Amino acid sequence: MSRHSYTVVLTSLLLISLFCNIAPSNGEKPLVVCTTTVLASIVDDLAGDLVSVDVIASPSVCPAHYDIRPSDVDAFAKASLILMHGFEPWVEDLRKASGSEAPVVKIKGGWGTPKDLKERYKDVAKALEENLGINISDRLSKCIAGIDATDSWLKEFSSSNGFTGTPVLCMMFQKEFASYLGFDIVATYPPPEKVSAKQYESLVENATKSGAILVIDNAQSGTDLGNKIAAEIGAVEVALTNFPGIAPHLNNVTEVMKWNAMKLSQALENAKTLGELNKVKEKLQGWMAATYALLIVAIVEAVIIIALLRRSRR
């Protein structure tokens, strides 16, 4: 959405909000508005019974490309605290349009590995305590322990499923997680709209030379490009998600990590099956080529024999 379009939309939303009752009622839980389901899931894990949580961007789309709605203005206006990552271009305009005076806290950094995720939990806990006066140190300790357990599970799962050293082509937003699991990332690619024809050729060349058997996509960025590359290099495409909520049972990032790991395991099995089928196909093609060659030789020999017989009869 262009800056001009944002201005028009936000102006309209501001007018709508003026007719809404946006003042919080006394006695209500403080409202924490989160820009993504990642932040919302962390708040839920840490203080879900102590605060109300509202999430802005759908987990099925890239937050950077999210189109704001009238309900978002209302959410910002009622917020006691707003949490964002820092890559959402619409937050400041939305805050101004809503007239919100709630503190806006940036929770910077990735969440693609258990180590990084623990830091994000600590950052959110700090934001809740400093801005809402909520002490959740005990709950934070339990969440950290849960992430450590997931870390152990993922490492065991990676080892038992042969992830380590497997050559893959990876969308840049999934690189951190794929590297953590031990995959050999032979090349990465940006969001599809930023991939030029020259970059595409380079990706295909690198993936082919390195024998990449998986193309690891990012679901929120679109999968057409990954599927196209996979078809060209004879690999299997698998789309992972960075955000909870894309499926009903994915309530937080640790569940997302496990789900993504299981998808990678299935994709790897499919890739191995595809590889075996390709070997059989190559053998059949070789056998057929040899058969055709022998047939041609037999035909030629037959023609020669017939010609010699005709000459001998003269």
C-alpha atoms as a PDB file:
ATOM      1  CA  MET A   1       0.000   0.000   0.000  1.00  0.00           C
ATOM      2  CA  SER A   2       1.401   3.442  -0.954  1.00  0.00           C
ATOM      3  CA  ARG A   3       1.940   6.253   1.534  1.00  0.00           C
ATOM      4  CA  HIS A   4      -0.902   8.205  -0.072  1.00  0.00           C
ATOM      5  CA  SER A   5      -3.228   5.217   0.238  1.00  0.00           C
ATOM      6  CA  TYR A   6      -2.271   4.839   3.907  1.00  0.00           C
ATOM      7  CA  THR A   7      -3.119   8.496   4.499  1.00  0.00           C
ATOM      8  CA  VAL A   8      -6.542   8.184   2.880  1.00  0.00           C
ATOM      9  CA  VAL A   9      -7.372   4.974   4.715  1.00  0.00           C
ATOM     10  CA  LEU A  10      -6.141   6.196   8.076  1.00  0.00           C
ATOM     11  CA  THR A  11      -8.012   9.479   7.773  1.00  0.00           C
ATOM     12  CA  SER A  12     -11.200   7.543   7.101  1.00  0.00           C
ATOM     13  CA  LEU A  13     -10.528   5.205  10.000  1.00  0.00           C
ATOM     14  CA  LEU A  14      -9.919   8.143  12.327  1.00  0.00           C
ATOM     15  CA  LEU A  15     -13.299   9.614  11.454  1.00  0.00           C
ATOM     16  CA  ILE A  16     -14.909   6.251  12.132  1.00  0.00           C
ATOM     17  CA  SER A  17     -13.151   5.968  15.480  1.00  0.00           C
ATOM     18  CA  LEU A  18     -14.511   9.337  16.612  1.00  0.00           C
ATOM     19  CA  PHE A  19     -17.989   7.823  16.624  1.00  0.00           C
ATOM     20  CA  CYS A  20     -16.896   4.762  18.602  1.00  0.00           C
ATOM     21  CA  ASN A  21     -16.802   4.406  22.338  1.00  0.00           C
ATOM     22  CA  ILE A  22     -13.070   3.837  22.666  1.00  0.00           C
ATOM     23  CA  ALA A  23     -12.550   4.644  26.333  1.00  0.00           C
ATOM     24  CA  PRO A  24     -11.696   1.544  28.405  1.00  0.00           C
ATOM     25  CA  SER A  25     -14.142   0.650  31.133  1.00  0.00           C
ATOM     26  CA  ASN A  26     -12.998   0.731  34.757  1.00  0.00           C
ATOM     27  CA  GLY A  27     -12.123  -2.662  36.178  1.00  0.00           C
ATOM     28  CA  GLU A  28     -11.244  -4.225  32.860  1.00  0.00           C
ATOM     29  CA  LYS A  29      -7.986  -6.050  32.336  1.00  0.00           C
ATOM     30  CA  PRO A  30      -5.322  -3.982  30.595  1.00  0.00           C
ATOM     31  CA  LEU A  31      -5.353  -4.546  26.828  1.00  0.00           C
ATOM     32  CA  VAL A  32      -2.078  -5.534  25.199  1.00  0.00           C
ATOM     33  CA  VAL A  33      -2.226  -5.036  21.441  1.00  0.00           C
ATOM     34  CA  CYS A  34       0.326  -7.095  19.511  1.00  0.00           C
ATOM     35  CA  THR A  35       1.164  -6.597  15.871  1.00  0.00           C
ATOM     36  CA  THR A  36       1.684 -10.337  15.222  1.00  0.00           C
ATOM     37  CA  THR A  37       0.637 -13.719  16.549  1.00  0.00           C
ATOM     38  CA  VAL A  38       4.236 -14.312  17.673  1.00  0.00           C
ATOM     39  CA  LEU A  39       4.015 -11.497  20.208  1.00  0.00           C
ATOM     40  CA  ALA A  40       0.414 -12.316  21.106  1.00  0.00           C
ATOM     41  CA  SER A  41       1.300 -15.949  21.837  1.00  0.00           C
ATOM     42  CA  ILE A  42       4.160 -14.885  24.111  1.00  0.00           C
ATOM     43  CA  VAL A  43       1.883 -12.524  26.047  1.00  0.00           C
ATOM     44  CA  ASP A  44      -0.721 -15.297  26.326  1.00  0.00           C
ATOM     45  CA  ASP A  45       1.874 -17.715  27.694  1.00  0.00           C
ATOM     46  CA  LEU A  46       3.196 -15.202  30.208  1.00  0.00           C
ATOM     47  CA  ALA A  47       0.077 -13.334  31.313  1.00  0.00           C
ATOM     48  CA  GLY A  48      -2.964 -14.601  29.458  1.00  0.00           C
ATOM     49  CA  ASP A  49      -5.155 -14.507  32.574  1.00  0.00           C
ATOM     50  CA  LEU A  50      -3.907 -11.109  33.703  1.00  0.00           C
ATOM     51  CA  VAL A  51      -4.392  -9.102  30.514  1.00  0.00           C
ATOM     52  CA  SER A  52      -6.552  -9.039  27.422  1.00  0.00           C
ATOM     53  CA  VAL A  53      -4.690  -9.643  24.170  1.00  0.00           C
ATOM     54  CA  ASP A  54      -5.533  -8.380  20.700  1.00  0.00           C
ATOM     55  CA  VAL A  55      -3.513  -9.203  17.589  1.00  0.00           C
ATOM     56  CA  ILE A  56      -3.473  -7.059  14.453  1.00  0.00           C
ATOM     57  CA  ALA A  57      -1.897  -8.954  11.528  1.00  0.00           C
ATOM     58  CA  SER A  58      -3.216 -12.318  10.382  1.00  0.00           C
ATOM     59  CA  PRO A  59      -0.665 -15.148  10.629  1.00  0.00           C
ATOM     60  CA  SER A  60      -1.351 -16.068   7.014  1.00  0.00           C
ATOM     61  CA  VAL A  61       0.189 -12.879   5.586  1.00  0.00           C
ATOM     62  CA  CYS A  62       3.513 -11.097   5.908  1.00  0.00           C
ATOM     63  CA  PRO A  63       3.047  -8.349   8.568  1.00  0.00           C
ATOM     64  CA  ALA A  64       4.997  -5.897   6.412  1.00  0.00           C
ATOM     65  CA  HIS A  65       2.265  -6.185   3.762  1.00  0.00           C
ATOM     66  CA  TYR A  66      -0.714  -6.131   6.108  1.00  0.00           C
ATOM     67  CA  ASP A  67      -3.679  -3.891   5.189  1.00  0.00           C
ATOM     68  CA  ILE A  68      -5.168  -2.181   8.228  1.00  0.00           C
ATOM     69  CA  ARG A  69      -8.869  -2.336   9.172  1.00  0.00           C
ATOM     70  CA  PRO A  70     -11.229  -0.068  11.138  1.00  0.00           C
ATOM     71  CA  SER A  71     -11.108  -2.499  14.075  1.00  0.00           C
ATOM     72  CA  ASP A  72      -7.354  -1.940  14.290  1.00  0.00           C
ATOM     73  CA  VAL A  73      -7.888   1.753  15.049  1.00  0.00           C
ATOM     74  CA  ASP A  74     -10.275   0.810  17.827  1.00  0.00           C
ATOM     75  CA  ALA A  75      -7.797  -1.716  19.235  1.00  0.00           C
ATOM     76  CA  PHE A  76      -4.990   0.832  19.292  1.00  0.00           C
ATOM     77  CA  ALA A  77      -7.248   3.412  20.908  1.00  0.00           C
ATOM     78  CA  LYS A  78      -8.158   1.036  23.737  1.00  0.00           C
ATOM     79  CA  ALA A  79      -4.667  -0.365  24.224  1.00  0.00           C
ATOM     80  CA  SER A  80      -2.792  -0.116  27.502  1.00  0.00           C
ATOM     81  CA  LEU A  81       0.369  -1.381  25.790  1.00  0.00           C
ATOM     82  CA  ILE A  82       1.337  -1.939  22.160  1.00  0.00           C
ATOM     83  CA  LEU A  83       4.002  -4.484  21.221  1.00  0.00           C
ATOM     84  CA  MET A  84       5.652  -4.599  17.792  1.00  0.00           C
ATOM     85  CA  HIS A  85       8.734  -6.096  16.154  1.00  0.00           C
ATOM     86  CA  GLY A  86       9.938  -3.045  14.265  1.00  0.00           C
ATOM     87  CA  PHE A  87       9.397  -4.132  10.653  1.00  0.00           C
ATOM     88  CA  GLU A  88       5.702  -3.165  10.511  1.00  0.00           C
ATOM     89  CA  PRO A  89       5.466   0.064   8.440  1.00  0.00           C
ATOM     90  CA  TRP A  90       1.900   0.846   9.491  1.00  0.00           C
ATOM     91  CA  VAL A  91       2.218   1.036  13.282  1.00  0.00           C
ATOM     92  CA  GLU A  92       3.053   4.723  13.665  1.00  0.00           C
ATOM     93  CA  ASP A  93       0.356   5.843  11.237  1.00  0.00           C
ATOM     94  CA  LEU A  94      -2.162   3.611  12.985  1.00  0.00           C
ATOM     95  CA  ARG A  95      -1.166   4.965  16.386  1.00  0.00           C
ATOM     96  CA  LYS A  96      -1.645   8.552  15.194  1.00  0.00           C
ATOM     97  CA  ALA A  97      -4.965   7.763  13.557  1.00  0.00           C
ATOM     98  CA  SER A  98      -6.275   6.170  16.759  1.00  0.00           C
ATOM     99  CA  GLY A  99      -5.003   8.917  19.037  1.00  0.00           C
ATOM    100  CA  SER A 100      -3.505   6.222  21.270  1.00  0.00           C
ATOM    101  CA  GLU A 101      -1.255   7.318  24.111  1.00  0.00           C
ATOM    102  CA  ALA A 102      -0.290   3.752  25.028  1.00  0.00           C
ATOM    103  CA  PRO A 103       3.432   3.014  25.172  1.00  0.00           C
ATOM    104  CA  VAL A 104       4.750   1.299  22.051  1.00  0.00           C
ATOM    105  CA  VAL A 105       7.532  -1.207  22.775  1.00  0.00           C
ATOM    106  CA  LYS A 106       9.662  -2.761  20.054  1.00  0.00           C
ATOM    107  CA  ILE A 107      10.530  -6.394  20.707  1.00  0.00           C
ATOM    108  CA  LYS A 108      13.499  -6.580  18.354  1.00  0.00           C
ATOM    109  CA  GLY A 109      15.256  -9.698  17.163  1.00  0.00           C
ATOM    110  CA  GLY A 110      14.373 -13.049  15.636  1.00  0.00           C
ATOM    111  CA  TRP A 111      12.561 -16.019  17.127  1.00  0.00           C
ATOM    112  CA  GLY A 112      13.674 -18.751  14.718  1.00  0.00           C
ATOM    113  CA  THR A 113      15.677 -20.763  17.234  1.00  0.00           C
ATOM    114  CA  PRO A 114      15.007 -21.713  20.868  1.00  0.00           C
ATOM    115  CA  LYS A 115      17.905 -19.508  21.975  1.00  0.00           C
ATOM    116  CA  ASP A 116      16.445 -16.431  20.272  1.00  0.00           C
ATOM    117  CA  LEU A 117      12.919 -17.265  21.371  1.00  0.00           C
ATOM    118  CA  LYS A 118      13.961 -17.268  25.030  1.00  0.00           C
ATOM    119  CA  GLU A 119      15.262 -13.727  24.607  1.00  0.00           C
ATOM    120  CA  ARG A 120      11.961 -12.601  23.097  1.00  0.00           C
ATOM    121  CA  TYR A 121      10.076 -14.041  26.095  1.00  0.00           C
ATOM    122  CA  LYS A 122      12.390 -12.123  28.399  1.00  0.00           C
ATOM    123  CA  ASP A 123      11.857  -8.920  26.392  1.00  0.00           C
ATOM    124  CA  VAL A 124       8.066  -9.242  26.533  1.00  0.00           C
ATOM    125  CA  ALA A 125       8.127 -10.040  30.265  1.00  0.00           C
ATOM    126  CA  LYS A 126      10.199  -6.902  30.838  1.00  0.00           C
ATOM    127  CA  ALA A 127       7.764  -4.802  28.782  1.00  0.00           C
ATOM    128  CA  LEU A 128       4.782  -6.110  30.763  1.00  0.00           C
ATOM    129  CA  GLU A 129       6.457  -5.427  34.090  1.00  0.00           C
ATOM    130  CA  GLU A 130       7.781  -1.960  33.236  1.00  0.00           C
ATOM    131  CA  ASN A 131       4.621  -0.680  31.556  1.00  0.00           C
ATOM    132  CA  LEU A 132       1.817  -2.549  33.336  1.00  0.00           C
ATOM    133  CA  GLY A 133       3.438  -3.399  36.663  1.00  0.00           C
ATOM    134  CA  ILE A 134       2.909  -7.134  36.157  1.00  0.00           C
ATOM    135  CA  ASN A 135       5.524  -9.377  37.780  1.00  0.00           C
ATOM    136  CA  ILE A 136       5.591 -12.696  35.959  1.00  0.00           C
ATOM    137  CA  SER A 137       9.073 -13.965  36.811  1.00  0.00           C
ATOM    138  CA  ASP A 138       7.796 -17.393  37.889  1.00  0.00           C
ATOM    139  CA  ARG A 139       5.819 -17.844  34.679  1.00  0.00           C
ATOM    140  CA  LEU A 140       8.796 -16.696  32.640  1.00  0.00           C
ATOM    141  CA  SER A 141      10.941 -19.382  34.257  1.00  0.00           C
ATOM    142  CA  LYS A 142       8.376 -22.043  33.337  1.00  0.00           C
ATOM    143  CA  CYS A 143       8.211 -20.772  29.742  1.00  0.00           C
ATOM    144  CA  ILE A 144      12.004 -20.804  29.457  1.00  0.00           C
ATOM    145  CA  ALA A 145      12.041 -24.382  30.752  1.00  0.00           C
ATOM    146  CA  GLY A 146       9.448 -25.301  28.132  1.00  0.00           C
ATOM    147  CA  ILE A 147      11.566 -23.784  25.371  1.00  0.00           C
ATOM    148  CA  ASP A 148      14.611 -25.704  26.625  1.00  0.00           C
ATOM    149  CA  ALA A 149      12.571 -28.912  26.438  1.00  0.00           C
ATOM    150  CA  THR A 150      11.597 -28.061  22.866  1.00  0.00           C
ATOM    151  CA  ASP A 151      15.260 -27.410  22.075  1.00  0.00           C
ATOM    152  CA  SER A 152      16.165 -30.925  23.240  1.00  0.00           C
ATOM    153  CA  TRP A 153      13.268 -32.445  21.296  1.00  0.00           C
ATOM    154  CA  LEU A 154      14.232 -30.651  18.081  1.00  0.00           C
ATOM    155  CA  LYS A 155      17.887 -31.696  18.307  1.00  0.00           C
ATOM    156  CA  GLU A 156      16.906 -35.326  18.836  1.00  0.00           C
ATOM    157  CA  PHE A 157      14.359 -35.143  16.023  1.00  0.00           C
ATOM    158  CA  SER A 158      16.933 -33.619  13.663  1.00  0.00           C
ATOM    159  CA  SER A 159      19.457 -36.336  14.457  1.00  0.00           C
ATOM    160  CA  SER A 160      17.022 -39.225  14.076  1.00  0.00           C
ATOM    161  CA  ASN A 161      15.647 -37.880  10.790  1.00  0.00           C
ATOM    162  CA  GLY A 162      18.959 -37.189   9.086  1.00  0.00           C
ATOM    163  CA  PHE A 163      18.663 -33.413   8.737  1.00  0.00           C
ATOM    164  CA  THR A 164      22.356 -32.691   9.368  1.00  0.00           C
ATOM    165  CA  GLY A 165      24.300 -32.012   6.182  1.00  0.00           C
ATOM    166  CA  THR A 166      21.308 -32.385   3.863  1.00  0.00           C
ATOM    167  CA  PRO A 167      21.687 -29.826   1.026  1.00  0.00           C
ATOM    168  CA  VAL A 168      18.729 -27.462   0.685  1.00  0.00           C
ATOM    169  CA  LEU A 169      17.738 -24.193  -0.964  1.00  0.00           C
ATOM    170  CA  CYS A 170      16.080 -21.924   1.609  1.00  0.00           C
ATOM    171  CA  MET A 171      13.906 -18.818   1.705  1.00  0.00           C
ATOM    172  CA  MET A 172      15.798 -16.249   3.793  1.00  0.00           C
ATOM    173  CA  PHE A 173      13.088 -15.985   6.474  1.00  0.00           C
ATOM    174  CA  GLN A 174      13.524 -19.699   7.251  1.00  0.00           C
ATOM    175  CA  LYS A 175      17.331 -19.760   7.094  1.00  0.00           C
ATOM    176  CA  GLU A 176      17.841 -19.368  10.842  1.00  0.00           C
ATOM    177  CA  PHE A 177      15.632 -22.324  11.727  1.00  0.00           C
ATOM    178  CA  ALA A 178      16.948 -24.562   8.926  1.00  0.00           C
ATOM    179  CA  SER A 179      20.546 -23.845   9.953  1.00  0.00           C
ATOM    180  CA  TYR A 180      19.720 -24.594  13.580  1.00  0.00           C
ATOM    181  CA  LEU A 181      18.373 -28.009  12.540  1.00  0.00           C
ATOM    182  CA  GLY A 182      21.633 -28.791  10.739  1.00  0.00           C
ATOM    183  CA  PHE A 183      20.635 -28.495   7.090  1.00  0.00           C
ATOM    184  CA  ASP A 184      23.344 -27.498   4.594  1.00  0.00           C
ATOM    185  CA  ILE A 185      21.932 -24.321   3.043  1.00  0.00           C
ATOM    186  CA  VAL A 186      23.498 -24.065  -0.415  1.00  0.00           C
ATOM    187  CA  ALA A 187      21.718 -20.803  -1.285  1.00  0.00           C
ATOM    188  CA  THR A 188      18.984 -18.501   0.014  1.00  0.00           C
ATOM    189  CA  TYR A 189      16.461 -16.309  -1.747  1.00  0.00           C
ATOM    190  CA  PRO A 190      14.525 -13.165  -0.735  1.00  0.00           C
ATOM    191  CA  PRO A 191      10.755 -12.643  -1.043  1.00  0.00           C
ATOM    192  CA  PRO A 192       9.629 -13.756  -4.527  1.00  0.00           C
ATOM    193  CA  GLU A 193       8.828 -10.221  -5.699  1.00  0.00           C
ATOM    194  CA  LYS A 194      12.491  -9.290  -5.182  1.00  0.00           C
ATOM    195  CA  VAL A 195      13.983 -12.184  -7.168  1.00  0.00           C
ATOM    196  CA  SER A 196      15.267 -11.068 -10.584  1.00  0.00           C
ATOM    197  CA  ALA A 197      15.633 -13.343 -13.622  1.00  0.00           C
ATOM    198  CA  LYS A 198      19.412 -13.361 -13.102  1.00  0.00           C
ATOM    199  CA  GLN A 199      19.008 -14.308  -9.436  1.00  0.00           C
ATOM    200  CA  TYR A 200      16.616 -17.068 -10.408  1.00  0.00           C
ATOM    201  CA  GLU A 201      19.132 -18.558 -12.821  1.00  0.00           C
ATOM    202  CA  SER A 202      21.841 -18.381 -10.165  1.00  0.00           C
ATOM    203  CA  LEU A 203      19.603 -20.094  -7.595  1.00  0.00           C
ATOM    204  CA  VAL A 204      18.802 -22.937  -9.976  1.00  0.00           C
ATOM    205  CA  GLU A 205      22.473 -23.319 -10.928  1.00  0.00           C
ATOM    206  CA  ASN A 206      23.719 -23.369  -7.325  1.00  0.00           C
ATOM    207  CA  ALA A 207      20.985 -25.720  -6.161  1.00  0.00           C
ATOM    208  CA  THR A 208      21.628 -28.108  -9.056  1.00  0.00           C
ATOM    209  CA  LYS A 209      25.419 -28.169  -8.583  1.00  0.00           C
ATOM    210  CA  SER A 210      25.043 -28.735  -4.848  1.00  0.00           C
ATOM    211  CA  GLY A 211      22.431 -31.453  -5.220  1.00  0.00           C
ATOM    212  CA  ALA A 212      19.779 -29.673  -3.153  1.00  0.00           C
ATOM    213  CA  ILE A 213      16.892 -32.044  -2.510  1.00  0.00           C
ATOM    214  CA  LEU A 214      14.594 -29.647  -0.652  1.00  0.00           C
ATOM    215  CA  VAL A 215      13.380 -26.111  -1.320  1.00  0.00           C
ATOM    216  CA  ILE A 216      12.363 -24.682   2.056  1.00  0.00           C
ATOM    217  CA  ASP A 217       9.723 -21.984   1.521  1.00  0.00           C
ATOM    218  CA  ASN A 218       8.155 -19.406   3.822  1.00  0.00           C
ATOM    219  CA  ALA A 219       4.366 -19.770   3.739  1.00  0.00           C
ATOM    220  CA  GLN A 220       3.635 -16.091   4.413  1.00  0.00           C
ATOM    221  CA  SER A 221       5.831 -15.000   1.479  1.00  0.00           C
ATOM    222  CA  GLY A 222       4.123 -17.168  -1.141  1.00  0.00           C
ATOM    223  CA  THR A 223       5.139 -20.562  -2.524  1.00  0.00           C
ATOM    224  CA  ASP A 224       4.909 -20.225  -6.317  1.00  0.00           C
ATOM    225  CA  LEU A 225       8.607 -19.438  -6.716  1.00  0.00           C
ATOM    226  CA  GLY A 226       9.717 -22.286  -4.474  1.00  0.00           C
ATOM    227  CA  ASN A 227       7.517 -24.755  -6.316  1.00  0.00           C
ATOM    228  CA  LYS A 228       8.885 -23.564  -9.665  1.00  0.00           C
ATOM    229  CA  ILE A 229      12.501 -23.966  -8.568  1.00  0.00           C
ATOM    230  CA  ALA A 230      11.809 -27.374  -7.033  1.00  0.00           C
ATOM    231  CA  ALA A 231      10.243 -28.625 -10.268  1.00  0.00           C
ATOM    232  CA  GLU A 232      13.226 -27.377 -12.277  1.00  0.00           C
ATOM    233  CA  ILE A 233      15.926 -28.963 -10.103  1.00  0.00           C
ATOM    234  CA  GLY A 234      14.033 -32.142  -9.245  1.00  0.00           C
ATOM    235  CA  ALA A 235      13.633 -31.318  -5.544  1.00  0.00           C
ATOM    236  CA  VAL A 236      10.703 -31.276  -3.104  1.00  0.00           C
ATOM    237  CA  GLU A 237       9.214 -27.966  -1.953  1.00  0.00           C
ATOM    238  CA  VAL A 238       8.094 -27.583   1.669  1.00  0.00           C
ATOM    239  CA  ALA A 239       6.467 -24.447   3.111  1.00  0.00           C
ATOM    240  CA  LEU A 240       7.103 -23.586   6.750  1.00  0.00           C
ATOM    241  CA  THR A 241       5.483 -20.883   8.873  1.00  0.00           C
ATOM    242  CA  ASN A 242       7.063 -18.267  11.138  1.00  0.00           C
ATOM    243  CA  PHE A 243       3.805 -17.412  12.890  1.00  0.00           C
ATOM    244  CA  PRO A 244       1.518 -19.281  15.314  1.00  0.00           C
ATOM    245  CA  GLY A 245      -2.163 -19.473  14.508  1.00  0.00           C
ATOM    246  CA  ILE A 246      -1.842 -20.600  10.902  1.00  0.00           C
ATOM    247  CA  ALA A 247      -3.410 -23.881  12.090  1.00  0.00           C
ATOM    248  CA  PRO A 248      -5.747 -24.313  15.107  1.00  0.00           C
ATOM    249  CA  HIS A 249      -3.261 -26.340  17.175  1.00  0.00           C
ATOM    250  CA  LEU A 250      -0.323 -23.975  16.681  1.00  0.00           C
ATOM    251  CA  ASN A 251      -0.748 -21.783  19.738  1.00  0.00           C
ATOM    252  CA  ASN A 252       2.825 -20.607  20.237  1.00  0.00           C
ATOM    253  CA  VAL A 253       6.235 -20.613  18.584  1.00  0.00           C
ATOM    254  CA  THR A 254       7.491 -23.843  20.186  1.00  0.00           C
ATOM    255  CA  GLU A 255       4.527 -25.674  18.676  1.00  0.00           C
ATOM    256  CA  VAL A 256       5.320 -24.014  15.341  1.00  0.00           C
ATOM    257  CA  MET A 257       8.920 -25.223  15.559  1.00  0.00           C
ATOM    258  CA  LYS A 258       7.861 -28.822  16.146  1.00  0.00           C
ATOM    259  CA  TRP A 259       5.260 -28.658  13.377  1.00  0.00           C
ATOM    260  CA  ASN A 260       7.825 -27.242  10.939  1.00  0.00           C
ATOM    261  CA  ALA A 261      10.329 -29.956  11.887  1.00  0.00           C
ATOM    262  CA  MET A 262       7.759 -32.675  11.206  1.00  0.00           C
ATOM    263  CA  LYS A 263       6.926 -31.106   7.831  1.00  0.00           C
ATOM    264  CA  LEU A 264      10.628 -31.122   6.969  1.00  0.00           C
ATOM    265  CA  SER A 265      10.862 -34.790   7.951  1.00  0.00           C
ATOM    266  CA  GLN A 266       7.983 -35.716   5.658  1.00  0.00           C
ATOM    267  CA  ALA A 267       9.414 -33.602   2.831  1.00  0.00           C
ATOM    268  CA  LEU A 268      12.779 -35.322   3.232  1.00  0.00           C
ATOM    269  CA  GLU A 269      11.117 -38.729   2.993  1.00  0.00           C
ATOM    270  CA  ASN A 270       9.315 -37.559  -0.151  1.00  0.00           C
ATOM    271  CA  ALA A 271      12.618 -36.305  -1.571  1.00  0.00           C
ATOM    272  CA  LYS A 272      14.272 -39.673  -0.945  1.00  0.00           C
ATOM    273  CA  THR A 273      11.372 -41.446  -2.645  1.00  0.00           C
ATOM    274  CA  LEU A 274      11.600 -39.035  -5.568  1.00  0.00           C
ATOM    275  CA  GLY A 275      15.332 -39.700  -5.789  1.00  0.00           C
ATOM    276  CA  GLU A 276      14.761 -43.467  -5.930  1.00  0.00           C
ATOM    277  CA  LEU A 277      12.119 -43.027  -8.613  1.00  0.00           C
ATOM    278  CA  ASN A 278      14.494 -40.878 -10.642  1.00  0.00           C
ATOM    279  CA  LYS A 279      17.181 -43.577 -10.395  1.00  0.00           C
ATOM    280  CA  VAL A 280      14.713 -46.190 -11.626  1.00  0.00           C
ATOM    281  CA  LYS A 281      13.675 -43.848 -14.423  1.00  0.00           C
ATOM    282  CA  GLU A 282      17.297 -43.329 -15.452  1.00  0.00           C
ATOM    283  CA  LYS A 283      17.889 -47.086 -15.473  1.00  0.00           C
ATOM    284  CA  LEU A 284      14.778 -47.646 -17.571  1.00  0.00           C
ATOM    285  CA  GLN A 285      15.826 -44.922 -19.951  1.00  0.00           C
ATOM    286  CA  GLY A 286      19.289 -46.498 -20.206  1.00  0.00           C
ATOM    287  CA  TRP A 287      17.775 -49.933 -20.754  1.00  0.00           C
ATOM    288  CA  MET A 288      15.417 -48.589 -23.396  1.00  0.00           C
ATOM    289  CA  ALA A 289      18.254 -46.752 -25.124  1.00  0.00           C
ATOM    290  CA  ALA A 290      20.342 -49.938 -25.153  1.00  0.00           C
ATOM    291  CA  THR A 291      17.371 -51.935 -26.420  1.00  0.00           C
ATOM    292  CA  TYR A 292      16.742 -49.444 -29.238  1.00  0.00           C
ATOM    293  CA  ALA A 293      20.435 -49.563 -30.138  1.00  0.00           C
ATOM    294  CA  LEU A 294      20.422 -53.352 -30.311  1.00  0.00           C
ATOM    295  CA  LEU A 295      17.246 -53.264 -32.345  1.00  0.00           C
ATOM    296  CA  ILE A 296      18.785 -50.840 -34.813  1.00  0.00           C
ATOM    297  CA  VAL A 297      21.908 -53.012 -35.055  1.00  0.00           C
ATOM    298  CA  ALA A 298      19.717 -56.077 -35.642  1.00  0.00           C
ATOM    299  CA  ILE A 299      17.778 -54.287 -38.362  1.00  0.00           C
ATOM    300  CA  VAL A 300      20.953 -53.123 -40.048  1.00  0.00           C
ATOM    301  CA  GLU A 301      22.415 -56.638 -39.874  1.00  0.00           C
ATOM    302  CA  ALA A 302      19.193 -58.061 -41.294  1.00  0.00           C
ATOM    303  CA  VAL A 303      19.289 -55.603 -44.190  1.00  0.00           C
ATOM    304  CA  ILE A 304      22.911 -56.498 -44.912  1.00  0.00           C
ATOM    305  CA  ILE A 305      22.140 -60.225 -44.792  1.00  0.00           C
ATOM    306  CA  ILE A 306      19.188 -59.824 -47.138  1.00  0.00           C
ATOM    307  CA  ALA A 307      21.315 -57.793 -49.550  1.00  0.00           C
ATOM    308  CA  LEU A 308      24.063 -60.428 -49.525  1.00  0.00           C
ATOM    309  CA  LEU A 309      21.534 -63.209 -50.141  1.00  0.00           C
ATOM    310  CA  ARG A 310      20.123 -61.365 -53.103  1.00  0.00           C
ATOM    311  CA  ARG A 311      23.587 -60.895 -54.590  1.00  0.00           C
ATOM    312  CA  SER A 312      24.417 -64.590 -54.137  1.00  0.00           C
ATOM    313  CA  ARG A 313      21.321 -65.613 -56.075  1.00  0.00           C
ATOM    314  CA  ARG A 314      22.294 -63.588 -59.131  1.00  0.00           C
END
